[in-house]
Each structure stands twice: as C-alpha cells, then as structure tokens.
Protein backbone atom coordinates (compact mmCIF):
# COMPACT_ATOMS: atom_id res chain seq x y z
CA MET A 1 39.62 77.38 -35.69
CA LYS A 2 39.17 74.30 -34.16
CA ALA A 3 37.36 71.15 -36.10
CA PHE A 4 34.13 70.40 -34.47
CA LEU A 5 34.11 67.35 -32.23
CA ASP A 6 37.70 66.47 -32.53
CA GLU A 7 39.64 64.43 -30.12
CA ASN A 8 40.04 67.69 -27.92
CA PHE A 9 36.22 68.61 -28.00
CA LEU A 10 35.63 70.63 -24.83
CA LEU A 11 39.22 70.51 -23.46
CA HIS A 12 40.58 74.04 -24.07
CA SER A 13 44.00 73.49 -22.56
CA THR A 14 46.90 71.16 -22.91
CA THR A 15 46.52 70.46 -19.02
CA ALA A 16 43.04 69.36 -19.59
CA GLN A 17 43.82 67.61 -22.65
CA THR A 18 46.56 65.33 -20.65
CA LEU A 19 44.14 64.90 -17.81
CA TYR A 20 41.33 63.64 -19.97
CA HIS A 21 43.48 61.42 -22.36
CA SER A 22 45.64 59.97 -19.70
CA PHE A 23 43.22 59.52 -16.80
CA ALA A 24 39.65 60.03 -17.33
CA ARG A 25 38.99 58.57 -20.87
CA GLN A 26 39.98 54.96 -19.83
CA MET A 27 37.74 54.61 -16.90
CA PRO A 28 34.93 52.26 -16.93
CA ILE A 29 31.42 53.39 -16.26
CA ILE A 30 29.19 52.65 -13.14
CA ASP A 31 25.91 53.93 -14.45
CA TYR A 32 24.11 53.83 -11.11
CA HIS A 33 20.79 55.70 -12.42
CA CYS A 34 19.16 54.88 -15.56
CA HIS A 35 15.91 53.61 -17.18
CA LEU A 36 17.21 51.12 -19.37
CA SER A 37 15.02 47.89 -20.27
CA PRO A 38 16.37 44.77 -18.53
CA ALA A 39 14.14 42.71 -20.98
CA ALA A 40 16.51 44.20 -23.81
CA ILE A 41 19.82 43.46 -21.93
CA SER A 42 18.71 39.90 -20.99
CA GLY A 43 17.37 39.22 -24.42
CA ASP A 44 20.38 40.85 -25.75
CA THR A 45 18.17 42.79 -28.45
CA ARG A 46 19.21 43.96 -31.69
CA PHE A 47 17.37 46.86 -33.21
CA GLU A 48 16.17 46.65 -36.59
CA ASN A 49 16.89 50.67 -37.43
CA LEU A 50 18.21 53.72 -35.79
CA THR A 51 14.76 55.08 -34.88
CA GLN A 52 14.17 52.13 -32.65
CA ILE A 53 17.12 52.55 -30.45
CA TRP A 54 17.58 56.59 -30.87
CA LEU A 55 13.79 57.74 -30.85
CA TYR A 56 11.53 55.42 -29.06
CA GLY A 57 10.71 56.78 -25.77
CA ASP A 58 13.51 59.78 -26.08
CA HIS A 59 11.34 62.74 -24.86
CA TYR A 60 14.49 64.88 -25.09
CA LYS A 61 14.53 64.55 -28.90
CA TRP A 62 10.48 64.54 -28.95
CA ARG A 63 10.45 68.16 -27.26
CA ALA A 64 12.96 69.32 -29.69
CA MET A 65 10.96 68.16 -32.61
CA ARG A 66 7.95 69.73 -31.43
CA ALA A 67 9.30 72.74 -30.77
CA ASN A 68 10.56 72.63 -34.23
CA GLY A 69 7.01 72.36 -35.56
CA VAL A 70 7.06 68.52 -36.33
CA ASP A 71 3.56 66.82 -36.29
CA GLU A 72 3.17 64.26 -33.82
CA SER A 73 2.52 61.58 -36.25
CA PHE A 74 6.50 61.87 -36.69
CA ILE A 75 6.96 61.68 -33.18
CA THR A 76 4.68 59.10 -31.40
CA GLY A 77 2.31 58.49 -34.05
CA ASN A 78 1.66 55.93 -36.83
CA LYS A 79 4.65 57.31 -39.47
CA THR A 80 7.09 54.59 -40.63
CA ASP A 81 10.70 54.46 -38.60
CA LYS A 82 12.30 55.79 -41.55
CA GLU A 83 9.93 59.02 -41.87
CA LYS A 84 10.38 59.60 -38.45
CA PHE A 85 14.17 59.68 -38.39
CA LEU A 86 13.98 61.97 -41.50
CA GLN A 87 12.08 64.25 -39.45
CA TRP A 88 14.51 64.10 -36.61
CA ALA A 89 17.36 64.70 -38.96
CA ALA A 90 15.78 68.13 -40.36
CA THR A 91 15.40 69.12 -36.71
CA VAL A 92 19.07 68.38 -35.80
CA PRO A 93 20.44 71.56 -37.60
CA PHE A 94 18.10 73.69 -35.48
CA THR A 95 19.45 72.25 -32.20
CA LEU A 96 22.63 74.36 -32.28
CA ARG A 97 23.58 75.30 -28.58
CA ASN A 98 21.21 72.65 -27.39
CA PRO A 99 22.98 69.46 -25.89
CA LEU A 100 21.10 67.36 -28.24
CA TYR A 101 23.27 68.63 -31.06
CA HIS A 102 26.41 67.45 -29.10
CA TRP A 103 24.92 64.09 -27.93
CA THR A 104 23.66 63.37 -31.36
CA HIS A 105 27.10 63.40 -33.09
CA LEU A 106 28.95 61.91 -30.22
CA GLU A 107 26.77 58.96 -30.50
CA LEU A 108 27.29 58.80 -34.27
CA GLN A 109 31.03 58.80 -33.77
CA ARG A 110 31.40 56.61 -30.85
CA TYR A 111 29.06 53.88 -31.90
CA PHE A 112 29.01 54.23 -35.46
CA ASP A 113 32.25 55.83 -36.49
CA VAL A 114 30.15 58.42 -38.68
CA HIS A 115 31.78 61.70 -38.89
CA GLU A 116 29.13 63.46 -40.87
CA ILE A 117 26.88 66.32 -39.77
CA LEU A 118 23.28 65.07 -39.37
CA ASN A 119 20.88 67.05 -41.47
CA GLU A 120 18.27 66.50 -44.24
CA SER A 121 20.95 65.88 -46.79
CA SER A 122 22.89 63.25 -44.97
CA ALA A 123 19.75 61.81 -43.36
CA GLU A 124 19.25 58.89 -45.61
CA GLY A 125 22.60 57.67 -45.98
CA ILE A 126 23.19 57.69 -42.13
CA TYR A 127 20.03 56.18 -41.28
CA GLU A 128 20.87 53.13 -44.01
CA GLN A 129 24.56 52.87 -42.66
CA CYS A 130 23.76 53.02 -38.94
CA SER A 131 20.51 50.45 -39.37
CA GLU A 132 22.55 48.09 -41.07
CA LYS A 133 25.07 47.86 -38.56
CA LEU A 134 22.52 47.85 -35.69
CA ARG A 135 20.99 44.56 -37.12
CA SER A 136 24.48 42.89 -36.68
CA PRO A 137 25.52 40.95 -33.67
CA GLU A 138 28.39 43.36 -33.16
CA TYR A 139 25.60 45.86 -32.21
CA SER A 140 23.28 43.99 -30.08
CA VAL A 141 22.36 45.60 -26.70
CA GLN A 142 25.15 43.72 -24.99
CA SER A 143 27.93 44.40 -27.39
CA LEU A 144 26.99 48.25 -27.07
CA LEU A 145 27.49 48.16 -23.18
CA ARG A 146 31.01 46.36 -23.74
CA LYS A 147 31.74 48.59 -26.34
CA MET A 148 31.18 51.50 -23.91
CA ASN A 149 33.12 49.77 -21.11
CA VAL A 150 30.09 49.68 -18.90
CA LYS A 151 30.86 47.68 -15.73
CA VAL A 152 27.39 48.18 -13.62
CA VAL A 153 23.84 49.15 -15.05
CA CYS A 154 21.48 50.02 -12.16
CA THR A 155 17.80 50.07 -13.74
CA THR A 156 14.58 51.92 -12.26
CA ASP A 157 11.88 49.11 -11.22
CA ASP A 158 8.65 49.29 -9.46
CA PRO A 159 8.07 46.82 -6.22
CA LEU A 160 5.84 44.94 -8.61
CA ASP A 161 8.54 43.88 -11.10
CA SER A 162 9.33 40.10 -11.23
CA LEU A 163 12.99 41.08 -11.80
CA GLN A 164 13.11 37.75 -14.07
CA HIS A 165 15.11 39.83 -16.59
CA HIS A 166 17.82 40.73 -13.97
CA GLN A 167 17.79 36.81 -12.72
CA ALA A 168 18.36 36.10 -16.32
CA ILE A 169 21.23 38.67 -17.06
CA LYS A 170 23.03 37.11 -13.54
CA LYS A 171 22.53 33.56 -14.62
CA ALA A 172 24.05 33.97 -17.99
CA GLY A 173 26.96 35.56 -16.76
CA PHE A 174 26.98 38.61 -18.72
CA ALA A 175 30.08 40.87 -18.16
CA THR A 176 28.17 44.23 -17.52
CA THR A 177 26.38 43.57 -14.00
CA ALA A 178 22.79 44.67 -14.21
CA LEU A 179 21.11 45.24 -10.69
CA PRO A 180 17.60 46.45 -9.90
CA ALA A 181 16.61 49.91 -7.77
CA PHE A 182 13.68 49.80 -5.85
CA ARG A 183 11.44 52.66 -6.97
CA PRO A 184 8.22 52.66 -5.10
CA ASP A 185 6.61 55.94 -6.33
CA ALA A 186 3.55 54.27 -7.33
CA ALA A 187 2.93 52.62 -4.03
CA MET A 188 3.01 56.04 -2.14
CA ASN A 189 0.88 57.72 -4.90
CA VAL A 190 -2.31 58.29 -3.15
CA ASP A 191 -3.53 61.08 -5.31
CA SER A 192 -6.11 58.80 -6.91
CA ALA A 193 -7.98 56.45 -4.46
CA ALA A 194 -8.81 54.34 -7.46
CA ASN A 195 -5.29 54.35 -9.39
CA PHE A 196 -4.04 53.41 -5.72
CA ASN A 197 -6.43 50.61 -4.99
CA LYS A 198 -5.56 49.21 -8.43
CA TYR A 199 -2.04 48.98 -7.33
CA ILE A 200 -2.66 47.42 -3.92
CA LEU A 201 -4.59 44.99 -5.91
CA ALA A 202 -1.39 44.17 -8.16
CA LEU A 203 0.42 44.07 -4.64
CA GLU A 204 -1.83 41.50 -3.36
CA ASN A 205 -1.47 39.38 -6.22
CA VAL A 206 2.33 39.39 -6.61
CA THR A 207 2.50 38.77 -2.88
CA ASP A 208 0.00 36.38 -2.29
CA THR A 209 -1.41 38.38 0.59
CA SER A 210 -4.58 40.27 1.52
CA ILE A 211 -4.22 43.89 2.46
CA VAL A 212 -6.84 45.17 4.44
CA ILE A 213 -5.19 47.47 6.81
CA TYR A 214 -1.97 49.60 6.68
CA THR A 215 0.32 47.09 8.38
CA ASP A 216 -0.87 44.50 5.82
CA PHE A 217 0.40 47.05 3.33
CA LEU A 218 3.77 47.67 4.96
CA GLY A 219 4.03 43.79 5.41
CA ALA A 220 3.72 43.18 1.31
CA LEU A 221 5.91 46.05 0.65
CA LYS A 222 8.55 44.72 2.71
CA ASN A 223 7.97 41.47 0.97
CA ARG A 224 9.12 42.87 -2.06
CA HIS A 225 11.71 45.19 -0.62
CA ASP A 226 13.09 41.59 0.87
CA PHE A 227 12.69 40.12 -2.67
CA PHE A 228 14.80 43.10 -4.35
CA ALA A 229 17.53 42.35 -1.97
CA VAL A 230 17.72 38.56 -2.49
CA ASN A 231 18.13 39.62 -6.22
CA GLY A 232 21.07 42.02 -5.71
CA CYS A 233 19.38 45.14 -5.04
CA THR A 234 21.29 47.69 -3.00
CA ILE A 235 19.84 50.80 -4.14
CA SER A 236 16.42 52.54 -3.73
CA ASP A 237 15.22 55.49 -5.85
CA HIS A 238 12.43 58.19 -5.56
CA GLY A 239 10.93 60.64 -7.92
CA LEU A 240 9.20 63.35 -6.12
CA GLU A 241 8.13 66.72 -6.52
CA GLU A 242 9.39 67.44 -3.18
CA ILE A 243 10.34 65.80 0.27
CA TYR A 244 7.44 65.13 2.56
CA ALA A 245 8.01 65.39 6.13
CA ASP A 246 4.86 66.49 7.46
CA ASP A 247 4.05 65.56 11.22
CA PHE A 248 1.88 62.49 11.32
CA THR A 249 0.59 60.06 14.30
CA ALA A 250 0.23 56.20 13.81
CA SER A 251 -3.31 56.41 14.18
CA GLU A 252 -3.81 59.05 11.57
CA ILE A 253 -2.00 56.89 8.78
CA ASP A 254 -4.06 54.04 9.69
CA ALA A 255 -7.42 56.03 9.19
CA ILE A 256 -5.96 57.62 6.14
CA PHE A 257 -5.12 54.24 4.54
CA ASN A 258 -8.61 53.10 5.56
CA THR A 259 -10.39 56.07 3.75
CA ILE A 260 -8.42 55.44 0.82
CA ARG A 261 -9.55 51.52 0.62
CA SER A 262 -12.97 52.48 1.02
CA GLY A 263 -12.63 54.31 -2.43
CA ARG A 264 -12.83 57.64 -0.82
CA GLU A 265 -10.37 60.58 -1.81
CA ILE A 266 -8.20 62.08 1.28
CA SER A 267 -7.49 65.81 1.75
CA LEU A 268 -4.01 67.50 0.53
CA ALA A 269 -2.89 67.51 4.34
CA ASP A 270 -3.47 63.63 4.84
CA ASN A 271 -2.03 62.95 1.01
CA ARG A 272 1.04 64.70 2.72
CA LYS A 273 1.07 62.69 6.06
CA PHE A 274 0.66 59.60 3.97
CA LYS A 275 3.58 60.00 1.73
CA SER A 276 5.73 61.38 4.84
CA ALA A 277 5.08 58.16 6.83
CA LEU A 278 6.17 55.88 3.90
CA LEU A 279 9.34 57.76 3.11
CA LEU A 280 10.47 57.31 6.44
CA VAL A 281 9.26 53.51 6.36
CA PHE A 282 11.40 52.82 2.99
CA ALA A 283 14.37 54.92 4.34
CA GLY A 284 14.40 52.77 7.72
CA TRP A 285 14.41 49.49 5.41
CA ASP A 286 16.99 50.83 3.15
CA PHE A 287 19.43 51.28 6.38
CA ASP A 288 18.69 48.21 7.83
CA LYS A 289 19.80 46.59 4.72
CA GLY A 290 22.81 48.57 4.28
CA TRP A 291 21.26 50.23 0.71
CA VAL A 292 22.19 53.59 -0.87
CA GLN A 293 18.89 55.78 -1.17
CA GLN A 294 18.24 58.18 -3.84
CA TYR A 295 15.96 61.21 -4.16
CA HIS A 296 15.13 62.93 -7.29
CA ILE A 297 12.93 66.15 -6.35
CA GLY A 298 11.85 69.20 -8.13
CA ALA A 299 10.06 68.21 -11.41
CA ILE A 300 6.41 69.08 -12.17
CA ARG A 301 5.26 66.28 -14.34
CA ASN A 302 2.74 65.77 -17.31
CA ASN A 303 1.75 69.45 -17.36
CA ASN A 304 -0.23 69.16 -20.44
CA SER A 305 -3.16 67.22 -19.43
CA ARG A 306 -4.46 66.78 -23.14
CA MET A 307 -1.56 65.31 -24.33
CA SER A 308 -0.49 63.28 -21.17
CA THR A 309 -3.86 61.80 -21.20
CA ARG A 310 -3.44 61.03 -25.13
CA LEU A 311 0.04 59.54 -24.89
CA GLY A 312 0.81 58.61 -21.12
CA ALA A 313 3.56 59.55 -18.73
CA ASP A 314 7.09 60.11 -19.65
CA THR A 315 6.36 61.51 -23.10
CA GLY A 316 7.78 64.87 -22.67
CA TRP A 317 5.37 67.14 -20.68
CA ASP A 318 7.44 67.73 -17.74
CA SER A 319 9.38 70.76 -16.50
CA ILE A 320 11.28 72.33 -13.51
CA GLY A 321 9.21 72.90 -10.57
CA ASN A 322 9.53 75.58 -7.75
CA PHE A 323 9.24 73.95 -4.41
CA ASN A 324 10.57 74.97 -0.89
CA HIS A 325 12.57 72.03 -0.30
CA ALA A 326 15.07 73.24 2.41
CA LYS A 327 13.31 72.84 5.70
CA PRO A 328 11.23 69.73 4.83
CA LEU A 329 14.50 68.00 3.22
CA ALA A 330 16.65 68.99 6.72
CA LYS A 331 13.90 67.83 8.78
CA PHE A 332 13.62 64.76 7.04
CA LEU A 333 17.26 64.00 7.06
CA ASN A 334 17.42 64.93 10.67
CA VAL A 335 14.54 62.58 11.81
CA LEU A 336 16.77 59.75 10.47
CA ASP A 337 19.95 60.66 11.47
CA LYS A 338 18.54 61.12 15.26
CA GLU A 339 17.27 57.38 15.14
CA ASN A 340 20.54 56.46 13.55
CA LYS A 341 18.53 55.46 10.57
CA LEU A 342 20.10 57.65 7.81
CA ALA A 343 21.73 55.18 4.79
CA LYS A 344 23.81 56.68 2.35
CA THR A 345 22.06 59.28 0.55
CA ILE A 346 22.09 60.80 -2.98
CA LEU A 347 19.84 63.90 -3.45
CA TYR A 348 19.48 65.40 -6.99
CA ASN A 349 17.82 68.68 -7.71
CA LEU A 350 16.12 69.60 -10.78
CA ASN A 351 15.80 73.45 -10.06
CA PRO A 352 19.04 74.91 -10.40
CA ALA A 353 18.06 77.68 -7.79
CA ASP A 354 18.41 74.79 -5.35
CA ASN A 355 22.13 74.14 -6.02
CA GLU A 356 23.70 75.88 -3.00
CA LEU A 357 21.10 74.62 -0.94
CA MET A 358 21.78 70.67 -1.99
CA ALA A 359 25.46 71.58 -1.78
CA THR A 360 25.33 72.82 1.78
CA MET A 361 22.69 70.51 2.83
CA ILE A 362 24.44 67.31 2.44
CA GLY A 363 27.11 68.79 4.74
CA ASN A 364 24.87 68.91 7.67
CA PHE A 365 24.69 65.10 7.84
CA ASN A 366 28.09 63.92 6.65
CA ASP A 367 29.08 62.30 10.11
CA GLY A 368 32.55 60.92 9.20
CA SER A 369 31.36 57.18 8.96
CA VAL A 370 31.69 56.94 5.30
CA ALA A 371 33.59 59.32 2.88
CA GLY A 372 30.79 61.62 0.95
CA LYS A 373 28.02 59.37 2.96
CA ILE A 374 25.41 62.18 1.99
CA GLN A 375 26.16 63.00 -1.77
CA TRP A 376 24.64 65.82 -4.23
CA GLY A 377 24.02 63.82 -7.20
CA ALA A 378 24.88 64.74 -10.85
CA ALA A 379 23.31 67.48 -12.78
CA TRP A 380 20.12 65.96 -13.76
CA TRP A 381 17.48 66.03 -16.55
CA PHE A 382 17.24 69.66 -17.99
CA LEU A 383 20.47 70.23 -16.17
CA ASP A 384 22.97 67.47 -17.69
CA GLN A 385 24.44 69.92 -20.06
CA LYS A 386 27.70 71.49 -20.31
CA ASP A 387 26.68 74.62 -18.34
CA GLY A 388 24.70 72.58 -16.14
CA MET A 389 27.43 70.01 -15.43
CA ALA A 390 30.06 72.66 -14.77
CA THR A 391 27.50 74.77 -12.34
CA GLN A 392 27.11 71.77 -10.37
CA LEU A 393 30.95 71.04 -10.33
CA ASN A 394 31.78 74.47 -9.36
CA THR A 395 29.05 74.83 -6.65
CA LEU A 396 30.25 71.57 -4.88
CA SER A 397 33.74 72.36 -5.17
CA ASN A 398 33.07 75.72 -3.55
CA MET A 399 30.76 74.30 -0.55
CA GLY A 400 31.73 70.52 -0.28
CA LEU A 401 34.75 68.08 -1.57
CA LEU A 402 34.26 67.46 -5.51
CA SER A 403 37.12 64.81 -4.53
CA LYS A 404 34.49 62.40 -2.95
CA PHE A 405 31.87 62.68 -5.73
CA VAL A 406 30.59 59.72 -6.93
CA GLY A 407 30.18 61.10 -10.75
CA MET A 408 27.77 61.01 -13.72
CA VAL A 409 24.72 58.94 -14.35
CA THR A 410 22.91 58.61 -17.84
CA ASP A 411 19.44 59.06 -16.57
CA SER A 412 18.27 57.47 -20.07
CA ARG A 413 16.04 55.11 -21.55
CA SER A 414 18.59 54.83 -24.86
CA PHE A 415 21.46 52.32 -25.12
CA LEU A 416 22.99 54.70 -27.27
CA SER A 417 23.56 57.35 -24.18
CA TYR A 418 26.63 56.21 -22.82
CA PRO A 419 28.80 59.16 -24.51
CA ARG A 420 27.24 61.42 -21.97
CA HIS A 421 29.60 60.15 -19.58
CA GLU A 422 32.42 61.04 -21.82
CA TYR A 423 30.79 64.60 -22.18
CA PHE A 424 30.76 64.86 -18.48
CA ARG A 425 34.33 63.63 -18.06
CA ARG A 426 35.59 66.32 -20.59
CA VAL A 427 33.70 69.17 -18.68
CA LEU A 428 35.31 67.80 -15.33
CA CYS A 429 39.00 67.75 -17.03
CA ASN A 430 38.49 70.95 -18.66
CA LEU A 431 37.61 72.53 -15.17
CA PHE A 432 40.82 71.29 -13.36
CA GLY A 433 43.12 71.75 -16.48
CA SER A 434 41.78 75.56 -16.87
CA GLU A 435 42.58 76.16 -13.29
CA ILE A 436 45.92 74.42 -13.21
CA GLU A 437 47.24 76.31 -16.39
CA LYS A 438 46.18 79.52 -14.35
CA GLY A 439 48.03 79.01 -11.35
CA GLU A 440 44.82 78.35 -9.03
CA LEU A 441 45.75 74.94 -8.42
CA PRO A 442 49.13 73.20 -8.22
CA ASN A 443 50.57 71.38 -11.36
CA ASP A 444 50.63 68.08 -9.86
CA ILE A 445 49.30 66.01 -13.01
CA ASP A 446 49.35 62.57 -10.91
CA TRP A 447 47.35 63.89 -7.86
CA THR A 448 44.94 65.61 -10.01
CA GLY A 449 44.66 62.55 -12.38
CA LYS A 450 44.02 60.34 -9.34
CA ILE A 451 40.98 62.62 -8.11
CA ILE A 452 39.55 62.74 -11.75
CA GLU A 453 39.74 58.76 -11.87
CA ASP A 454 37.93 58.64 -8.46
CA ILE A 455 35.30 60.85 -9.55
CA CYS A 456 35.00 58.94 -12.73
CA TYR A 457 34.84 55.38 -11.48
CA TYR A 458 36.54 54.44 -7.96
CA ASN A 459 34.26 56.77 -5.90
CA ALA A 460 31.18 55.15 -7.01
CA LYS A 461 32.67 51.66 -6.99
CA ASN A 462 33.58 52.22 -3.41
CA TYR A 463 30.31 54.07 -2.23
CA PHE A 464 27.96 51.26 -3.82
CA ASN A 465 30.33 48.37 -2.92
CA TRP A 466 30.24 47.27 -6.57
C-alpha cells in the first residue's frame, strides 16, 4: 500500500515518475488567469492566521462546510478566525474524494512542511503552527509567490480599476511579474438599467467624460482599454453564461443604449443584441493591440437569491449551466475571422458535456499563423480536479494537439493555491507515463519530457510573449 501524498502521488508508473521529477517539477509557473489581490501583492501582505489566507473568500471550502451542516456564522459570519478554522478542520475528513482533500494536504505540505492529516484532533496544533509562520517575513505574499516559482501572475480587473497596485509592483521591481487582465463583464451587464447606469456614472468619473450616447460609452471604454495597455495589459477576459452572437444593426444598438440611459428596462432580445455588439467591439480592440482574449462560459451564478442577496456575488451559489454554445460560438468566431479581427483566443467551458464541442471548435479557426492560436483552456472551476483534468487532456489529445496546449491556471483567490499546478502536472505526467509503459507511445523520454515542459511552461511563455 502506498503512503498518502508521498513524492510519487498520482504517478502510477516508473515512467510517470521520471517525467514528473525530471521535467515537470522544476518548471516555473505562469498563472495567466487568477483572482488574486494586486493590493496584497503590492503591499507584500502578511496574514495573521491560517483562516485569513485559506478561508477568506474561498467559496470551494464554504460550499463543503455548508454541505457538512456548518452554520453560516462559522463560514462568512461573525465567529472568530480560529472558530472558523476549527469548523473547516472538522469538515476536512468528510471531503474524502473531493479535490479539496488533496489540495488541503498538498498546501499544508508544500507551504508549511506539515505532513499531518487535518482533522479535529490535529486542528489546533496545525492552526497555531501555520499561523505563526504566516506572521513571519518568510511567509509574506511575495515570499509565497517566490517559494512556488511563480514567474507571472495575471489578475482579473474591471475597466474602472486604477491599476495603482500593478504600477507599484512594477516600480518596486518584484521578481514575479503581475499584470492586469481587462474584464468588462460589468460594462456589458444590462440586466438592470439602474445598475448599468451606476456603472456608467463611475465610468464617467474615471474617464472625466460625459456619456450621453452609445459612441460616448464606447469612447470611454476604449479610453480604459488603452489605459490598461499602457500599464502592461496584454490579455482580456470575459465571464459569461454564453457567447452572444445575435444579429443587430447600429441603429438598434443606439436605441437600446438610449432606452437604458433613460432608466427603462430592455427586452431579452435587445439585451442579447447589446451584449453581442459589445463582444465584437472588445474583440476588435483586442486584435488591434495583439492581446489574447479569454472566454469563460457556462456558469449560472447566484442561483440562491436569498443567500446571494445577503452575502453578495462569489460566495458559493454558482453551478454548471446548460447552454447551446455551438452555433453562437462558431458564428462569433467566424465573424471575427472573416474581418481578419480574430485575436489569439482561449475558450473555457464549465459543462463537461461541451468538452468535445470545444476541442473541435478550436480547430475551425486555427489558421497556421500561430501555433495553437485558438486554445481550449484548462479544466475550469468545478472541473479542475483529477478526473476533469484527465478528461480535458484526453479529449484535447484525441481531437487536437495537446503538445501546443498552454496549460494550467489557478483561477483562485488564495495565495496558497499554487500546488494546483503541481496537481495538474502530476496528472499530465501520469497520462504520458502510463501510455509509454503500455507501448502506446514510444519510450522517448527526452522528447516526451520536452512536450511536458512546453505544456507546463514554455507554451504559455511563447503564447503570451511573457
């Protein structure tokens, strides 16, 4: 019987072990999509305790605690940090076979050299030991990024953001490059006229302009897009239920914008037309600047209206959606391709039923100009676990070129999440190693090792020109 989480965790053959330890393990990390706080990086934050760095904002853990019957006061409520941690520790034994169980113990090992199993009995000792370390300079945010060999962090930022923290990080010369990503979800959310007009007011203040008509709105957003570019941004990101590709005319969009500005709600059809128009505008700007554009599609968010109203967005009430992506996505990409405005693009799906759709869709628009120009992104959110990763890698292998894949992202709000890259790399090496040992791939360790190094690091480095 193998020991839990030993050095060959998830590596089920000698060849897999060689591929991981000789090639994948030492590769630096490029985290081209995450939700880390630029302010925490800029300020080189030190956390007071393990709860603050581990449980604040981590809706993966929150969902598990709720499922285990933990009262909300111990999750997002007013209980002390230690009380919250103890409730999480009591939940951990019940997460067996959930990726949280692996991630939890990988993070304890890799960051804190703690090899105990976290449970009610070990909780207090682990809490005190790790919290003491977190208060030391060796466990500041920048130190944690260095410890994990993170070369680039790309955060997720609203067009209204001042980017002051990114500017401060660059000025300080921190070894890990921190770049913004332009994420204009709020700028195209016309589901509520009141909320949209509040956003426009904020956009007016940031750009020092008056927004009366649609062209004013686009001008202000273009101002922010340009500002992001000046501050090192080379990537955009969109979190959408689906790609919008409805037909529209310029006069229709002008009229829809005027309706919203008057405070009146618009129809569902007009809502979709407006979002369709903006997606094409943003994509055109991205192409003109040579940016990479990312589309995360398929989540239905804030399903529990009672709790979402109480706690806000991103608090654990989201799930996989069921949308008809194929024709709208093909239409959207085709319009851009016909106009020679299709930038490098990464597509992420949340519903595993769309795996083959995505793996084949990217092949429709790879034109030979750039290796892997259109990418199917890493297994995302509910899918970034052992089975989800392996399924994504196998599907991409069968229907595309895994060798040109730009690899893993954390998609995380926690500075302790970087062992997810290790997790991915172990799954990757195990797949290759298993097939080599079965004679399904040649026993060419050097070539296979190069492919693995590319997927772990070099493909992303070259793709993003970082």
